[in-house]
Amino acid sequence: MKPLRQASTRPIISYKPRVEPTPPVHARRVEEYNDVYQLGGHYVAFVLQGDVFKQSPLFNQPESAKRWANQIRQNTDI
C-alpha cells in the first residue's frame, strides 16, 4: 500500500505589484492603450493608485498589459 502524500509546505508565491513614484523616463508610452508603456521590447502597465503608480509584470503584447491595468482598477474599486 502506498503511503499518504504529505501536504506541500512550500510558501505560495504571488505577484505583488511594484510601487513607483512615476513611470520611468525611458519608457515610451503606447498611444493606443492608456496606462501602457514599452520598456525594452516588453509592455508594462502603470496604474495610479493614491499618490504612487503600481507596475505590472512584463508582457509581450500591449493588450495583456491593458487587461492587467483594468483588473487592478476593478479590484481596488470593490
PDB file of N, CA and C in Angstrom:
ATOM      1  N   MET A   1       0.842  -1.181   0.000  1.00  0.00           N
ATOM      2  CA  MET A   1       0.000   0.000   0.000  1.00  0.00           C
ATOM      3  C   MET A   1       0.890   1.249   0.000  1.00  0.00           C
ATOM      4  N   LYS A   2       0.533   2.235  -0.809  1.00  0.00           N
ATOM      5  CA  LYS A   2       1.320   3.463  -0.898  1.00  0.00           C
ATOM      6  C   LYS A   2       1.092   4.321   0.341  1.00  0.00           C
ATOM      7  N   PRO A   3       2.139   5.009   0.802  1.00  0.00           N
ATOM      8  CA  PRO A   3       1.936   5.931   1.926  1.00  0.00           C
ATOM      9  C   PRO A   3       1.185   7.177   1.467  1.00  0.00           C
ATOM     10  N   LEU A   4       0.506   7.830   2.372  1.00  0.00           N
ATOM     11  CA  LEU A   4      -0.214   9.060   2.043  1.00  0.00           C
ATOM     12  C   LEU A   4       0.775  10.168   1.719  1.00  0.00           C
ATOM     13  N   ARG A   5       0.415  11.003   0.761  1.00  0.00           N
ATOM     14  CA  ARG A   5       1.286  12.121   0.391  1.00  0.00           C
ATOM     15  C   ARG A   5       1.239  13.195   1.457  1.00  0.00           C
ATOM     16  N   GLN A   6       2.374  13.796   1.694  1.00  0.00           N
ATOM     17  CA  GLN A   6       2.456  14.903   2.639  1.00  0.00           C
ATOM     18  C   GLN A   6       1.996  16.183   1.948  1.00  0.00           C
ATOM     19  N   ALA A   7       1.392  17.049   2.702  1.00  0.00           N
ATOM     20  CA  ALA A   7       0.983  18.350   2.165  1.00  0.00           C
ATOM     21  C   ALA A   7       2.231  19.165   1.865  1.00  0.00           C
ATOM     22  N   SER A   8       2.175  19.916   0.812  1.00  0.00           N
ATOM     23  CA  SER A   8       3.302  20.769   0.441  1.00  0.00           C
ATOM     24  C   SER A   8       3.467  21.882   1.461  1.00  0.00           C
ATOM     25  N   THR A   9       4.699  22.053   1.915  1.00  0.00           N
ATOM     26  CA  THR A   9       4.972  23.106   2.896  1.00  0.00           C
ATOM     27  C   THR A   9       5.637  24.311   2.249  1.00  0.00           C
ATOM     28  N   ARG A  10       5.720  24.306   0.932  1.00  0.00           N
ATOM     29  CA  ARG A  10       6.314  25.448   0.242  1.00  0.00           C
ATOM     30  C   ARG A  10       5.397  26.654   0.342  1.00  0.00           C
ATOM     31  N   PRO A  11       5.987  27.827   0.556  1.00  0.00           N
ATOM     32  CA  PRO A  11       5.136  29.019   0.605  1.00  0.00           C
ATOM     33  C   PRO A  11       4.584  29.343  -0.787  1.00  0.00           C
ATOM     34  N   ILE A  12       3.399  29.873  -0.825  1.00  0.00           N
ATOM     35  CA  ILE A  12       2.788  30.273  -2.089  1.00  0.00           C
ATOM     36  C   ILE A  12       3.351  31.634  -2.465  1.00  0.00           C
ATOM     37  N   ILE A  13       3.904  31.704  -3.656  1.00  0.00           N
ATOM     38  CA  ILE A  13       4.486  32.961  -4.125  1.00  0.00           C
ATOM     39  C   ILE A  13       3.488  33.611  -5.064  1.00  0.00           C
ATOM     40  N   SER A  14       3.113  34.821  -4.749  1.00  0.00           N
ATOM     41  CA  SER A  14       2.201  35.546  -5.628  1.00  0.00           C
ATOM     42  C   SER A  14       2.859  36.867  -6.015  1.00  0.00           C
ATOM     43  N   TYR A  15       2.408  37.412  -7.119  1.00  0.00           N
ATOM     44  CA  TYR A  15       2.990  38.653  -7.613  1.00  0.00           C
ATOM     45  C   TYR A  15       2.423  39.832  -6.844  1.00  0.00           C
ATOM     46  N   LYS A  16       3.317  40.672  -6.342  1.00  0.00           N
ATOM     47  CA  LYS A  16       2.911  41.920  -5.721  1.00  0.00           C
ATOM     48  C   LYS A  16       3.425  43.042  -6.614  1.00  0.00           C
ATOM     49  N   PRO A  17       2.550  43.912  -7.094  1.00  0.00           N
ATOM     50  CA  PRO A  17       2.992  44.973  -7.990  1.00  0.00           C
ATOM     51  C   PRO A  17       4.019  45.884  -7.328  1.00  0.00           C
ATOM     52  N   ARG A  18       5.019  46.273  -8.111  1.00  0.00           N
ATOM     53  CA  ARG A  18       5.989  47.243  -7.613  1.00  0.00           C
ATOM     54  C   ARG A  18       5.313  48.587  -7.488  1.00  0.00           C
ATOM     55  N   VAL A  19       5.766  49.371  -6.542  1.00  0.00           N
ATOM     56  CA  VAL A  19       5.211  50.708  -6.341  1.00  0.00           C
ATOM     57  C   VAL A  19       6.277  51.704  -6.767  1.00  0.00           C
ATOM     58  N   GLU A  20       5.926  52.568  -7.680  1.00  0.00           N
ATOM     59  CA  GLU A  20       6.849  53.560  -8.238  1.00  0.00           C
ATOM     60  C   GLU A  20       6.266  54.957  -8.053  1.00  0.00           C
ATOM     61  N   PRO A  21       7.123  55.962  -7.847  1.00  0.00           N
ATOM     62  CA  PRO A  21       6.604  57.332  -7.744  1.00  0.00           C
ATOM     63  C   PRO A  21       6.089  57.853  -9.082  1.00  0.00           C
ATOM     64  N   THR A  22       6.743  57.475 -10.187  1.00  0.00           N
ATOM     65  CA  THR A  22       6.308  57.846 -11.546  1.00  0.00           C
ATOM     66  C   THR A  22       6.770  56.762 -12.509  1.00  0.00           C
ATOM     67  N   PRO A  23       6.161  56.672 -13.684  1.00  0.00           N
ATOM     68  CA  PRO A  23       6.712  55.759 -14.694  1.00  0.00           C
ATOM     69  C   PRO A  23       8.120  56.214 -15.078  1.00  0.00           C
ATOM     70  N   PRO A  24       9.004  55.293 -15.447  1.00  0.00           N
ATOM     71  CA  PRO A  24      10.370  55.681 -15.796  1.00  0.00           C
ATOM     72  C   PRO A  24      10.425  56.634 -16.989  1.00  0.00           C
ATOM     73  N   VAL A  25      11.430  57.467 -17.005  1.00  0.00           N
ATOM     74  CA  VAL A  25      11.583  58.459 -18.072  1.00  0.00           C
ATOM     75  C   VAL A  25      11.849  57.778 -19.411  1.00  0.00           C
ATOM     76  N   HIS A  26      12.601  56.664 -19.397  1.00  0.00           N
ATOM     77  CA  HIS A  26      12.969  55.997 -20.645  1.00  0.00           C
ATOM     78  C   HIS A  26      11.850  55.122 -21.215  1.00  0.00           C
ATOM     79  N   ALA A  27      10.715  55.024 -20.519  1.00  0.00           N
ATOM     80  CA  ALA A  27       9.581  54.238 -21.024  1.00  0.00           C
ATOM     81  C   ALA A  27       8.840  55.043 -22.090  1.00  0.00           C
ATOM     82  N   ARG A  28       8.526  54.370 -23.194  1.00  0.00           N
ATOM     83  CA  ARG A  28       7.767  55.024 -24.263  1.00  0.00           C
ATOM     84  C   ARG A  28       6.302  54.657 -24.118  1.00  0.00           C
ATOM     85  N   ARG A  29       5.446  55.652 -24.139  1.00  0.00           N
ATOM     86  CA  ARG A  29       4.018  55.425 -23.972  1.00  0.00           C
ATOM     87  C   ARG A  29       3.416  54.873 -25.255  1.00  0.00           C
ATOM     88  N   VAL A  30       2.556  53.878 -25.120  1.00  0.00           N
ATOM     89  CA  VAL A  30       1.837  53.315 -26.262  1.00  0.00           C
ATOM     90  C   VAL A  30       0.536  54.092 -26.374  1.00  0.00           C
ATOM     91  N   GLU A  31       0.401  54.862 -27.439  1.00  0.00           N
ATOM     92  CA  GLU A  31      -0.702  55.808 -27.570  1.00  0.00           C
ATOM     93  C   GLU A  31      -2.074  55.130 -27.644  1.00  0.00           C
ATOM     94  N   GLU A  32      -2.153  53.946 -28.243  1.00  0.00           N
ATOM     95  CA  GLU A  32      -3.447  53.295 -28.423  1.00  0.00           C
ATOM     96  C   GLU A  32      -4.035  52.766 -27.114  1.00  0.00           C
ATOM     97  N   TYR A  33      -3.174  52.556 -26.112  1.00  0.00           N
ATOM     98  CA  TYR A  33      -3.606  51.955 -24.848  1.00  0.00           C
ATOM     99  C   TYR A  33      -3.249  52.892 -23.695  1.00  0.00           C
ATOM    100  N   ASN A  34      -4.255  53.239 -22.896  1.00  0.00           N
ATOM    101  CA  ASN A  34      -3.979  54.059 -21.723  1.00  0.00           C
ATOM    102  C   ASN A  34      -3.184  53.239 -20.717  1.00  0.00           C
ATOM    103  N   ASP A  35      -2.288  53.879 -20.007  1.00  0.00           N
ATOM    104  CA  ASP A  35      -1.505  53.273 -18.930  1.00  0.00           C
ATOM    105  C   ASP A  35      -0.475  52.254 -19.397  1.00  0.00           C
ATOM    106  N   VAL A  36      -0.289  52.028 -20.687  1.00  0.00           N
ATOM    107  CA  VAL A  36       0.652  51.021 -21.168  1.00  0.00           C
ATOM    108  C   VAL A  36       1.885  51.720 -21.735  1.00  0.00           C
ATOM    109  N   TYR A  37       3.061  51.223 -21.316  1.00  0.00           N
ATOM    110  CA  TYR A  37       4.340  51.764 -21.759  1.00  0.00           C
ATOM    111  C   TYR A  37       5.182  50.632 -22.317  1.00  0.00           C
ATOM    112  N   GLN A  38       6.110  50.988 -23.209  1.00  0.00           N
ATOM    113  CA  GLN A  38       7.023  49.997 -23.770  1.00  0.00           C
ATOM    114  C   GLN A  38       8.383  50.173 -23.123  1.00  0.00           C
ATOM    115  N   LEU A  39       8.885  49.087 -22.550  1.00  0.00           N
ATOM    116  CA  LEU A  39      10.200  49.080 -21.911  1.00  0.00           C
ATOM    117  C   LEU A  39      11.039  47.971 -22.539  1.00  0.00           C
ATOM    118  N   GLY A  40      11.988  48.330 -23.354  1.00  0.00           N
ATOM    119  CA  GLY A  40      12.915  47.353 -23.917  1.00  0.00           C
ATOM    120  C   GLY A  40      12.274  46.169 -24.619  1.00  0.00           C
ATOM    121  N   GLY A  41      11.300  46.391 -25.462  1.00  0.00           N
ATOM    122  CA  GLY A  41      10.676  45.314 -26.205  1.00  0.00           C
ATOM    123  C   GLY A  41       9.527  44.628 -25.488  1.00  0.00           C
ATOM    124  N   HIS A  42       9.259  44.996 -24.252  1.00  0.00           N
ATOM    125  CA  HIS A  42       8.140  44.439 -23.500  1.00  0.00           C
ATOM    126  C   HIS A  42       7.172  45.560 -23.161  1.00  0.00           C
ATOM    127  N   TYR A  43       5.986  45.175 -22.755  1.00  0.00           N
ATOM    128  CA  TYR A  43       4.957  46.151 -22.401  1.00  0.00           C
ATOM    129  C   TYR A  43       4.666  46.062 -20.914  1.00  0.00           C
ATOM    130  N   VAL A  44       4.527  47.229 -20.292  1.00  0.00           N
ATOM    131  CA  VAL A  44       4.292  47.334 -18.858  1.00  0.00           C
ATOM    132  C   VAL A  44       3.162  48.328 -18.644  1.00  0.00           C
ATOM    133  N   ALA A  45       2.286  48.029 -17.689  1.00  0.00           N
ATOM    134  CA  ALA A  45       1.211  48.959 -17.346  1.00  0.00           C
ATOM    135  C   ALA A  45       1.554  49.632 -16.023  1.00  0.00           C
ATOM    136  N   PHE A  46       1.270  50.910 -15.931  1.00  0.00           N
ATOM    137  CA  PHE A  46       1.425  51.670 -14.695  1.00  0.00           C
ATOM    138  C   PHE A  46       0.057  52.224 -14.333  1.00  0.00           C
ATOM    139  N   VAL A  47      -0.443  51.840 -13.157  1.00  0.00           N
ATOM    140  CA  VAL A  47      -1.766  52.263 -12.703  1.00  0.00           C
ATOM    141  C   VAL A  47      -1.588  53.167 -11.495  1.00  0.00           C
ATOM    142  N   LEU A  48      -2.159  54.366 -11.564  1.00  0.00           N
ATOM    143  CA  LEU A  48      -2.058  55.320 -10.461  1.00  0.00           C
ATOM    144  C   LEU A  48      -3.032  54.925  -9.359  1.00  0.00           C
ATOM    145  N   GLN A  49      -2.506  54.720  -8.166  1.00  0.00           N
ATOM    146  CA  GLN A  49      -3.324  54.376  -7.007  1.00  0.00           C
ATOM    147  C   GLN A  49      -2.884  55.275  -5.863  1.00  0.00           C
ATOM    148  N   GLY A  50      -3.736  56.211  -5.520  1.00  0.00           N
ATOM    149  CA  GLY A  50      -3.358  57.176  -4.490  1.00  0.00           C
ATOM    150  C   GLY A  50      -2.328  58.136  -5.046  1.00  0.00           C
ATOM    151  N   ASP A  51      -1.130  58.132  -4.457  1.00  0.00           N
ATOM    152  CA  ASP A  51      -0.070  59.021  -4.939  1.00  0.00           C
ATOM    153  C   ASP A  51       1.112  58.263  -5.535  1.00  0.00           C
ATOM    154  N   VAL A  52       0.952  56.956  -5.792  1.00  0.00           N
ATOM    155  CA  VAL A  52       2.025  56.153  -6.388  1.00  0.00           C
ATOM    156  C   VAL A  52       1.460  55.331  -7.547  1.00  0.00           C
ATOM    157  N   PHE A  53       2.354  54.852  -8.403  1.00  0.00           N
ATOM    158  CA  PHE A  53       1.982  54.004  -9.528  1.00  0.00           C
ATOM    159  C   PHE A  53       2.306  52.558  -9.199  1.00  0.00           C
ATOM    160  N   LYS A  54       1.398  51.632  -9.553  1.00  0.00           N
ATOM    161  CA  LYS A  54       1.674  50.207  -9.458  1.00  0.00           C
ATOM    162  C   LYS A  54       2.143  49.746 -10.824  1.00  0.00           C
ATOM    163  N   GLN A  55       3.228  48.971 -10.837  1.00  0.00           N
ATOM    164  CA  GLN A  55       3.798  48.496 -12.092  1.00  0.00           C
ATOM    165  C   GLN A  55       3.449  47.027 -12.295  1.00  0.00           C
ATOM    166  N   SER A  56       3.011  46.700 -13.504  1.00  0.00           N
ATOM    167  CA  SER A  56       2.655  45.324 -13.837  1.00  0.00           C
ATOM    168  C   SER A  56       3.915  44.515 -14.136  1.00  0.00           C
ATOM    169  N   PRO A  57       3.766  43.189 -14.223  1.00  0.00           N
ATOM    170  CA  PRO A  57       4.877  42.391 -14.747  1.00  0.00           C
ATOM    171  C   PRO A  57       5.060  42.678 -16.237  1.00  0.00           C
ATOM    172  N   LEU A  58       6.129  42.174 -16.832  1.00  0.00           N
ATOM    173  CA  LEU A  58       6.389  42.379 -18.253  1.00  0.00           C
ATOM    174  C   LEU A  58       5.465  41.512 -19.088  1.00  0.00           C
ATOM    175  N   PHE A  59       4.915  42.092 -20.145  1.00  0.00           N
ATOM    176  CA  PHE A  59       4.045  41.369 -21.072  1.00  0.00           C
ATOM    177  C   PHE A  59       4.619  41.486 -22.476  1.00  0.00           C
ATOM    178  N   ASN A  60       4.300  40.505 -23.332  1.00  0.00           N
ATOM    179  CA  ASN A  60       4.754  40.534 -24.724  1.00  0.00           C
ATOM    180  C   ASN A  60       3.805  41.286 -25.640  1.00  0.00           C
ATOM    181  N   GLN A  61       2.560  41.511 -25.188  1.00  0.00           N
ATOM    182  CA  GLN A  61       1.575  42.207 -26.009  1.00  0.00           C
ATOM    183  C   GLN A  61       0.949  43.337 -25.202  1.00  0.00           C
ATOM    184  N   PRO A  62       0.671  44.473 -25.840  1.00  0.00           N
ATOM    185  CA  PRO A  62       0.088  45.595 -25.103  1.00  0.00           C
ATOM    186  C   PRO A  62      -1.319  45.298 -24.584  1.00  0.00           C
ATOM    187  N   GLU A  63      -2.057  44.417 -25.284  1.00  0.00           N
ATOM    188  CA  GLU A  63      -3.410  44.069 -24.825  1.00  0.00           C
ATOM    189  C   GLU A  63      -3.369  43.401 -23.451  1.00  0.00           C
ATOM    190  N   SER A  64      -2.345  42.591 -23.213  1.00  0.00           N
ATOM    191  CA  SER A  64      -2.215  41.911 -21.925  1.00  0.00           C
ATOM    192  C   SER A  64      -1.964  42.906 -20.808  1.00  0.00           C
ATOM    193  N   ALA A  65      -1.117  43.887 -21.070  1.00  0.00           N
ATOM    194  CA  ALA A  65      -0.836  44.912 -20.061  1.00  0.00           C
ATOM    195  C   ALA A  65      -2.088  45.735 -19.774  1.00  0.00           C
ATOM    196  N   LYS A  66      -2.865  46.028 -20.808  1.00  0.00           N
ATOM    197  CA  LYS A  66      -4.102  46.783 -20.625  1.00  0.00           C
ATOM    198  C   LYS A  66      -5.105  45.996 -19.787  1.00  0.00           C
ATOM    199  N   ARG A  67      -5.220  44.683 -20.046  1.00  0.00           N
ATOM    200  CA  ARG A  67      -6.112  43.841 -19.243  1.00  0.00           C
ATOM    201  C   ARG A  67      -5.685  43.822 -17.781  1.00  0.00           C
ATOM    202  N   TRP A  68      -4.366  43.758 -17.538  1.00  0.00           N
ATOM    203  CA  TRP A  68      -3.856  43.780 -16.164  1.00  0.00           C
ATOM    204  C   TRP A  68      -4.252  45.089 -15.485  1.00  0.00           C
ATOM    205  N   ALA A  69      -4.095  46.206 -16.174  1.00  0.00           N
ATOM    206  CA  ALA A  69      -4.446  47.511 -15.609  1.00  0.00           C
ATOM    207  C   ALA A  69      -5.937  47.586 -15.295  1.00  0.00           C
ATOM    208  N   ASN A  70      -6.774  47.079 -16.196  1.00  0.00           N
ATOM    209  CA  ASN A  70      -8.223  47.076 -15.949  1.00  0.00           C
ATOM    210  C   ASN A  70      -8.568  46.214 -14.746  1.00  0.00           C
ATOM    211  N   GLN A  71      -7.904  45.067 -14.608  1.00  0.00           N
ATOM    212  CA  GLN A  71      -8.172  44.175 -13.492  1.00  0.00           C
ATOM    213  C   GLN A  71      -7.770  44.819 -12.162  1.00  0.00           C
ATOM    214  N   ILE A  72      -6.652  45.506 -12.128  1.00  0.00           N
ATOM    215  CA  ILE A  72      -6.202  46.184 -10.911  1.00  0.00           C
ATOM    216  C   ILE A  72      -7.210  47.270 -10.518  1.00  0.00           C
ATOM    217  N   ARG A  73      -7.689  47.996 -11.510  1.00  0.00           N
ATOM    218  CA  ARG A  73      -8.696  49.035 -11.215  1.00  0.00           C
ATOM    219  C   ARG A  73      -9.978  48.430 -10.656  1.00  0.00           C
ATOM    220  N   GLN A  74     -10.442  47.326 -11.233  1.00  0.00           N
ATOM    221  CA  GLN A  74     -11.660  46.680 -10.761  1.00  0.00           C
ATOM    222  C   GLN A  74     -11.481  46.136  -9.352  1.00  0.00           C
ATOM    223  N   ASN A  75     -10.330  45.578  -9.048  1.00  0.00           N
ATOM    224  CA  ASN A  75     -10.074  45.015  -7.728  1.00  0.00           C
ATOM    225  C   ASN A  75     -10.048  46.094  -6.639  1.00  0.00           C
ATOM    226  N   THR A  76      -9.583  47.273  -6.966  1.00  0.00           N
ATOM    227  CA  THR A  76      -9.491  48.327  -5.968  1.00  0.00           C
ATOM    228  C   THR A  76     -10.798  49.105  -5.831  1.00  0.00           C
ATOM    229  N   ASP A  77     -11.667  49.052  -6.821  1.00  0.00           N
ATOM    230  CA  ASP A  77     -12.946  49.751  -6.747  1.00  0.00           C
ATOM    231  C   ASP A  77     -13.931  49.035  -5.837  1.00  0.00           C
ATOM    232  N   ILE A  78     -13.738  47.761  -5.624  1.00  0.00           N
ATOM    233  CA  ILE A  78     -14.686  46.956  -4.836  1.00  0.00           C
ATOM    234  C   ILE A  78     -14.568  47.279  -3.370  1.00  0.00           C
TER     235      ILE A  78
END
